[in-house]
Amino acid sequence: MLQRTILILGVANLAGLIVIGFITLSNTKLVYVDSNKLINGYQGMIDARKVYQQKAGSWKANIDTLGSEVQKQIMAYEKESARMTTKERQLSQELIKTKQKQLYDYQQAMNTQARQEDDKMTSEVISQINAYIKKFGEDNQYKIILAATDYGNLAYADE
């Protein structure tokens, strides 16, 4: 019986808070922002993505070139290995393994660099957008700006 009374009081208090919140918000200027449209349509993001894609294309071309060189060495080894001495075969195999490791290491470094560049680009653009939303809210005297984001729903609140 006591638990049921506590539950009823808890629900009544929650309902009271919701009503108080609704009454308070009814006189407040609210704005909703579709953050995906804002971010994807923002010229700063479009420009940053172009720069990133150019860098990514260059990294891919370098990886493709290194991969092609490794494949050529493997094909040359397979073609010539029958005529090689045991020592020449061992040296060729070691050279191929070294080139494969260098390619793998380069791919890993480029993947890490790509992630870092993407994070930096996104962070810079989000900072620009957040500054704009704040200024927009202040200039238009909005109390709250809501946004559907991966980081929460409150994009701006008047101090």
C-alpha atoms as a PDB file:
ATOM      1  CA  MET A   1       0.000   0.000   0.000  1.00  0.00           C
ATOM      2  CA  LEU A   2       2.831   2.374   0.894  1.00  0.00           C
ATOM      3  CA  GLN A   3       4.641   1.607  -2.372  1.00  0.00           C
ATOM      4  CA  ARG A   4       1.478   2.302  -4.359  1.00  0.00           C
ATOM      5  CA  THR A   5       1.008   5.649  -2.567  1.00  0.00           C
ATOM      6  CA  ILE A   6       4.644   6.604  -3.266  1.00  0.00           C
ATOM      7  CA  LEU A   7       4.221   5.617  -6.928  1.00  0.00           C
ATOM      8  CA  ILE A   8       1.047   7.710  -7.251  1.00  0.00           C
ATOM      9  CA  LEU A   9       2.761  10.709  -5.600  1.00  0.00           C
ATOM     10  CA  GLY A  10       5.786  10.282  -7.874  1.00  0.00           C
ATOM     11  CA  VAL A  11       3.601  10.229 -10.987  1.00  0.00           C
ATOM     12  CA  ALA A  12       1.640  13.251  -9.721  1.00  0.00           C
ATOM     13  CA  ASN A  13       4.866  15.175  -9.106  1.00  0.00           C
ATOM     14  CA  LEU A  14       6.191  14.257 -12.562  1.00  0.00           C
ATOM     15  CA  ALA A  15       2.921  15.346 -14.159  1.00  0.00           C
ATOM     16  CA  GLY A  16       3.152  18.619 -12.224  1.00  0.00           C
ATOM     17  CA  LEU A  17       6.674  19.215 -13.509  1.00  0.00           C
ATOM     18  CA  ILE A  18       5.590  18.519 -17.055  1.00  0.00           C
ATOM     19  CA  VAL A  19       2.680  20.952 -16.726  1.00  0.00           C
ATOM     20  CA  ILE A  20       4.958  23.579 -15.164  1.00  0.00           C
ATOM     21  CA  GLY A  21       7.456  23.028 -17.975  1.00  0.00           C
ATOM     22  CA  PHE A  22       4.710  23.294 -20.572  1.00  0.00           C
ATOM     23  CA  ILE A  23       3.313  26.479 -19.071  1.00  0.00           C
ATOM     24  CA  THR A  24       6.781  28.007 -18.847  1.00  0.00           C
ATOM     25  CA  LEU A  25       7.623  27.015 -22.408  1.00  0.00           C
ATOM     26  CA  SER A  26       4.320  28.263 -23.814  1.00  0.00           C
ATOM     27  CA  ASN A  27       5.643  31.863 -23.596  1.00  0.00           C
ATOM     28  CA  THR A  28       9.098  30.978 -24.882  1.00  0.00           C
ATOM     29  CA  LYS A  29      10.288  31.380 -28.474  1.00  0.00           C
ATOM     30  CA  LEU A  30      11.378  27.934 -29.613  1.00  0.00           C
ATOM     31  CA  VAL A  31      13.075  26.959 -32.851  1.00  0.00           C
ATOM     32  CA  TYR A  32      13.817  23.533 -34.306  1.00  0.00           C
ATOM     33  CA  VAL A  33      16.790  22.989 -36.609  1.00  0.00           C
ATOM     34  CA  ASP A  34      17.212  19.967 -38.895  1.00  0.00           C
ATOM     35  CA  SER A  35      20.917  19.555 -38.190  1.00  0.00           C
ATOM     36  CA  ASN A  36      21.534  17.084 -41.024  1.00  0.00           C
ATOM     37  CA  LYS A  37      20.176  19.522 -43.601  1.00  0.00           C
ATOM     38  CA  LEU A  38      22.045  22.384 -41.966  1.00  0.00           C
ATOM     39  CA  ILE A  39      25.386  20.551 -41.892  1.00  0.00           C
ATOM     40  CA  ASN A  40      25.089  18.946 -45.330  1.00  0.00           C
ATOM     41  CA  GLY A  41      23.860  22.148 -46.967  1.00  0.00           C
ATOM     42  CA  TYR A  42      26.428  24.400 -45.297  1.00  0.00           C
ATOM     43  CA  GLN A  43      28.937  25.685 -47.868  1.00  0.00           C
ATOM     44  CA  GLY A  44      31.781  25.296 -45.361  1.00  0.00           C
ATOM     45  CA  MET A  45      31.053  21.569 -45.123  1.00  0.00           C
ATOM     46  CA  ILE A  46      30.739  21.220 -48.890  1.00  0.00           C
ATOM     47  CA  ASP A  47      34.121  22.932 -49.379  1.00  0.00           C
ATOM     48  CA  ALA A  48      35.764  20.912 -46.596  1.00  0.00           C
ATOM     49  CA  ARG A  49      34.501  17.652 -48.120  1.00  0.00           C
ATOM     50  CA  LYS A  50      35.960  18.602 -51.519  1.00  0.00           C
ATOM     51  CA  VAL A  51      39.372  19.246 -49.958  1.00  0.00           C
ATOM     52  CA  TYR A  52      39.129  15.984 -48.001  1.00  0.00           C
ATOM     53  CA  GLN A  53      38.159  14.016 -51.129  1.00  0.00           C
ATOM     54  CA  GLN A  54      41.179  15.419 -52.989  1.00  0.00           C
ATOM     55  CA  LYS A  55      43.482  14.333 -50.166  1.00  0.00           C
ATOM     56  CA  ALA A  56      41.814  10.919 -50.004  1.00  0.00           C
ATOM     57  CA  GLY A  57      42.257  10.521 -53.766  1.00  0.00           C
ATOM     58  CA  SER A  58      45.956  11.272 -53.432  1.00  0.00           C
ATOM     59  CA  TRP A  59      46.347   8.782 -50.569  1.00  0.00           C
ATOM     60  CA  LYS A  60      44.523   6.107 -52.584  1.00  0.00           C
ATOM     61  CA  ALA A  61      46.712   6.744 -55.640  1.00  0.00           C
ATOM     62  CA  ASN A  62      49.850   6.320 -53.520  1.00  0.00           C
ATOM     63  CA  ILE A  63      48.540   3.083 -52.024  1.00  0.00           C
ATOM     64  CA  ASP A  64      47.568   1.791 -55.468  1.00  0.00           C
ATOM     65  CA  THR A  65      51.046   2.604 -56.813  1.00  0.00           C
ATOM     66  CA  LEU A  66      52.776   0.831 -53.942  1.00  0.00           C
ATOM     67  CA  GLY A  67      50.431  -2.155 -54.269  1.00  0.00           C
ATOM     68  CA  SER A  68      51.149  -2.364 -57.983  1.00  0.00           C
ATOM     69  CA  GLU A  69      54.899  -2.337 -57.329  1.00  0.00           C
ATOM     70  CA  VAL A  70      54.563  -5.194 -54.861  1.00  0.00           C
ATOM     71  CA  GLN A  71      52.474  -7.203 -57.345  1.00  0.00           C
ATOM     72  CA  LYS A  72      55.076  -6.640 -60.085  1.00  0.00           C
ATOM     73  CA  GLN A  73      57.828  -7.890 -57.782  1.00  0.00           C
ATOM     74  CA  ILE A  74      55.808 -10.977 -56.900  1.00  0.00           C
ATOM     75  CA  MET A  75      55.141 -11.726 -60.578  1.00  0.00           C
ATOM     76  CA  ALA A  76      58.818 -11.210 -61.455  1.00  0.00           C
ATOM     77  CA  TYR A  77      59.836 -13.498 -58.603  1.00  0.00           C
ATOM     78  CA  GLU A  78      57.420 -16.219 -59.728  1.00  0.00           C
ATOM     79  CA  LYS A  79      58.696 -15.939 -63.278  1.00  0.00           C
ATOM     80  CA  GLU A  80      62.401 -15.954 -62.379  1.00  0.00           C
ATOM     81  CA  SER A  81      62.517 -18.078 -59.217  1.00  0.00           C
ATOM     82  CA  ALA A  82      63.223 -21.313 -61.100  1.00  0.00           C
ATOM     83  CA  ARG A  83      66.491 -19.819 -62.423  1.00  0.00           C
ATOM     84  CA  MET A  84      67.562 -18.291 -59.093  1.00  0.00           C
ATOM     85  CA  THR A  85      69.954 -19.723 -56.582  1.00  0.00           C
ATOM     86  CA  THR A  86      68.654 -20.536 -53.134  1.00  0.00           C
ATOM     87  CA  LYS A  87      70.275 -17.381 -51.743  1.00  0.00           C
ATOM     88  CA  GLU A  88      68.757 -15.195 -54.511  1.00  0.00           C
ATOM     89  CA  ARG A  89      65.320 -16.681 -53.830  1.00  0.00           C
ATOM     90  CA  GLN A  90      65.638 -15.972 -50.119  1.00  0.00           C
ATOM     91  CA  LEU A  91      66.741 -12.395 -50.771  1.00  0.00           C
ATOM     92  CA  SER A  92      63.877 -11.849 -53.225  1.00  0.00           C
ATOM     93  CA  GLN A  93      61.362 -13.278 -50.764  1.00  0.00           C
ATOM     94  CA  GLU A  94      62.685 -11.030 -47.997  1.00  0.00           C
ATOM     95  CA  LEU A  95      62.516  -8.018 -50.306  1.00  0.00           C
ATOM     96  CA  ILE A  96      58.908  -8.829 -51.209  1.00  0.00           C
ATOM     97  CA  LYS A  97      57.979  -9.315 -47.535  1.00  0.00           C
ATOM     98  CA  THR A  98      59.612  -5.981 -46.684  1.00  0.00           C
ATOM     99  CA  LYS A  99      57.694  -4.220 -49.472  1.00  0.00           C
ATOM    100  CA  GLN A 100      54.428  -5.857 -48.346  1.00  0.00           C
ATOM    101  CA  LYS A 101      55.030  -4.695 -44.768  1.00  0.00           C
ATOM    102  CA  GLN A 102      55.819  -1.172 -45.971  1.00  0.00           C
ATOM    103  CA  LEU A 103      52.588  -1.169 -47.969  1.00  0.00           C
ATOM    104  CA  TYR A 104      50.599  -2.416 -44.983  1.00  0.00           C
ATOM    105  CA  ASP A 105      52.197   0.158 -42.664  1.00  0.00           C
ATOM    106  CA  TYR A 106      51.518   2.940 -45.170  1.00  0.00           C
ATOM    107  CA  GLN A 107      47.879   1.858 -45.513  1.00  0.00           C
ATOM    108  CA  GLN A 108      47.478   1.894 -41.729  1.00  0.00           C
ATOM    109  CA  ALA A 109      49.100   5.334 -41.463  1.00  0.00           C
ATOM    110  CA  MET A 110      46.852   6.702 -44.220  1.00  0.00           C
ATOM    111  CA  ASN A 111      43.743   5.253 -42.550  1.00  0.00           C
ATOM    112  CA  THR A 112      44.738   6.903 -39.274  1.00  0.00           C
ATOM    113  CA  GLN A 113      45.470  10.182 -41.028  1.00  0.00           C
ATOM    114  CA  ALA A 114      42.152  10.004 -42.891  1.00  0.00           C
ATOM    115  CA  ARG A 115      40.234   9.508 -39.629  1.00  0.00           C
ATOM    116  CA  GLN A 116      42.098  12.390 -37.993  1.00  0.00           C
ATOM    117  CA  GLU A 117      41.501  14.680 -40.982  1.00  0.00           C
ATOM    118  CA  ASP A 118      37.817  13.763 -41.047  1.00  0.00           C
ATOM    119  CA  ASP A 119      37.453  14.362 -37.303  1.00  0.00           C
ATOM    120  CA  LYS A 120      39.249  17.702 -37.550  1.00  0.00           C
ATOM    121  CA  MET A 121      37.189  18.815 -40.552  1.00  0.00           C
ATOM    122  CA  THR A 122      33.920  17.826 -38.911  1.00  0.00           C
ATOM    123  CA  SER A 123      34.862  19.447 -35.605  1.00  0.00           C
ATOM    124  CA  GLU A 124      35.776  22.736 -37.312  1.00  0.00           C
ATOM    125  CA  VAL A 125      32.545  22.825 -39.308  1.00  0.00           C
ATOM    126  CA  ILE A 126      30.425  21.928 -36.268  1.00  0.00           C
ATOM    127  CA  SER A 127      32.118  24.733 -34.317  1.00  0.00           C
ATOM    128  CA  GLN A 128      31.287  27.203 -37.095  1.00  0.00           C
ATOM    129  CA  ILE A 129      27.673  26.030 -37.198  1.00  0.00           C
ATOM    130  CA  ASN A 130      27.329  26.157 -33.412  1.00  0.00           C
ATOM    131  CA  ALA A 131      28.679  29.716 -33.374  1.00  0.00           C
ATOM    132  CA  TYR A 132      26.185  30.645 -36.083  1.00  0.00           C
ATOM    133  CA  ILE A 133      23.273  29.027 -34.215  1.00  0.00           C
ATOM    134  CA  LYS A 134      24.248  30.874 -31.038  1.00  0.00           C
ATOM    135  CA  LYS A 135      24.426  34.226 -32.864  1.00  0.00           C
ATOM    136  CA  PHE A 136      21.157  33.478 -34.660  1.00  0.00           C
ATOM    137  CA  GLY A 137      19.469  32.686 -31.351  1.00  0.00           C
ATOM    138  CA  GLU A 138      20.790  35.823 -29.710  1.00  0.00           C
ATOM    139  CA  ASP A 139      19.972  38.091 -32.688  1.00  0.00           C
ATOM    140  CA  ASN A 140      16.404  36.760 -32.917  1.00  0.00           C
ATOM    141  CA  GLN A 141      15.890  36.585 -29.144  1.00  0.00           C
ATOM    142  CA  TYR A 142      15.104  32.882 -29.132  1.00  0.00           C
ATOM    143  CA  LYS A 143      15.189  31.228 -25.744  1.00  0.00           C
ATOM    144  CA  ILE A 144      15.834  27.705 -27.004  1.00  0.00           C
ATOM    145  CA  ILE A 145      16.880  26.168 -30.319  1.00  0.00           C
ATOM    146  CA  LEU A 146      16.325  22.427 -30.588  1.00  0.00           C
ATOM    147  CA  ALA A 147      18.149  20.207 -33.057  1.00  0.00           C
ATOM    148  CA  ALA A 148      18.152  16.513 -33.834  1.00  0.00           C
ATOM    149  CA  THR A 149      21.834  15.616 -33.530  1.00  0.00           C
ATOM    150  CA  ASP A 150      24.049  12.731 -32.515  1.00  0.00           C
ATOM    151  CA  TYR A 151      25.260  14.837 -29.585  1.00  0.00           C
ATOM    152  CA  GLY A 152      21.967  15.846 -27.990  1.00  0.00           C
ATOM    153  CA  ASN A 153      18.902  17.880 -28.822  1.00  0.00           C
ATOM    154  CA  LEU A 154      19.680  21.292 -27.375  1.00  0.00           C
ATOM    155  CA  ALA A 155      21.560  23.421 -29.897  1.00  0.00           C
ATOM    156  CA  TYR A 156      21.195  26.761 -28.084  1.00  0.00           C
ATOM    157  CA  ALA A 157      19.683  28.090 -24.879  1.00  0.00           C
ATOM    158  CA  ASP A 158      19.470  31.684 -23.777  1.00  0.00           C
ATOM    159  CA  GLU A 159      21.584  32.178 -20.679  1.00  0.00           C
END
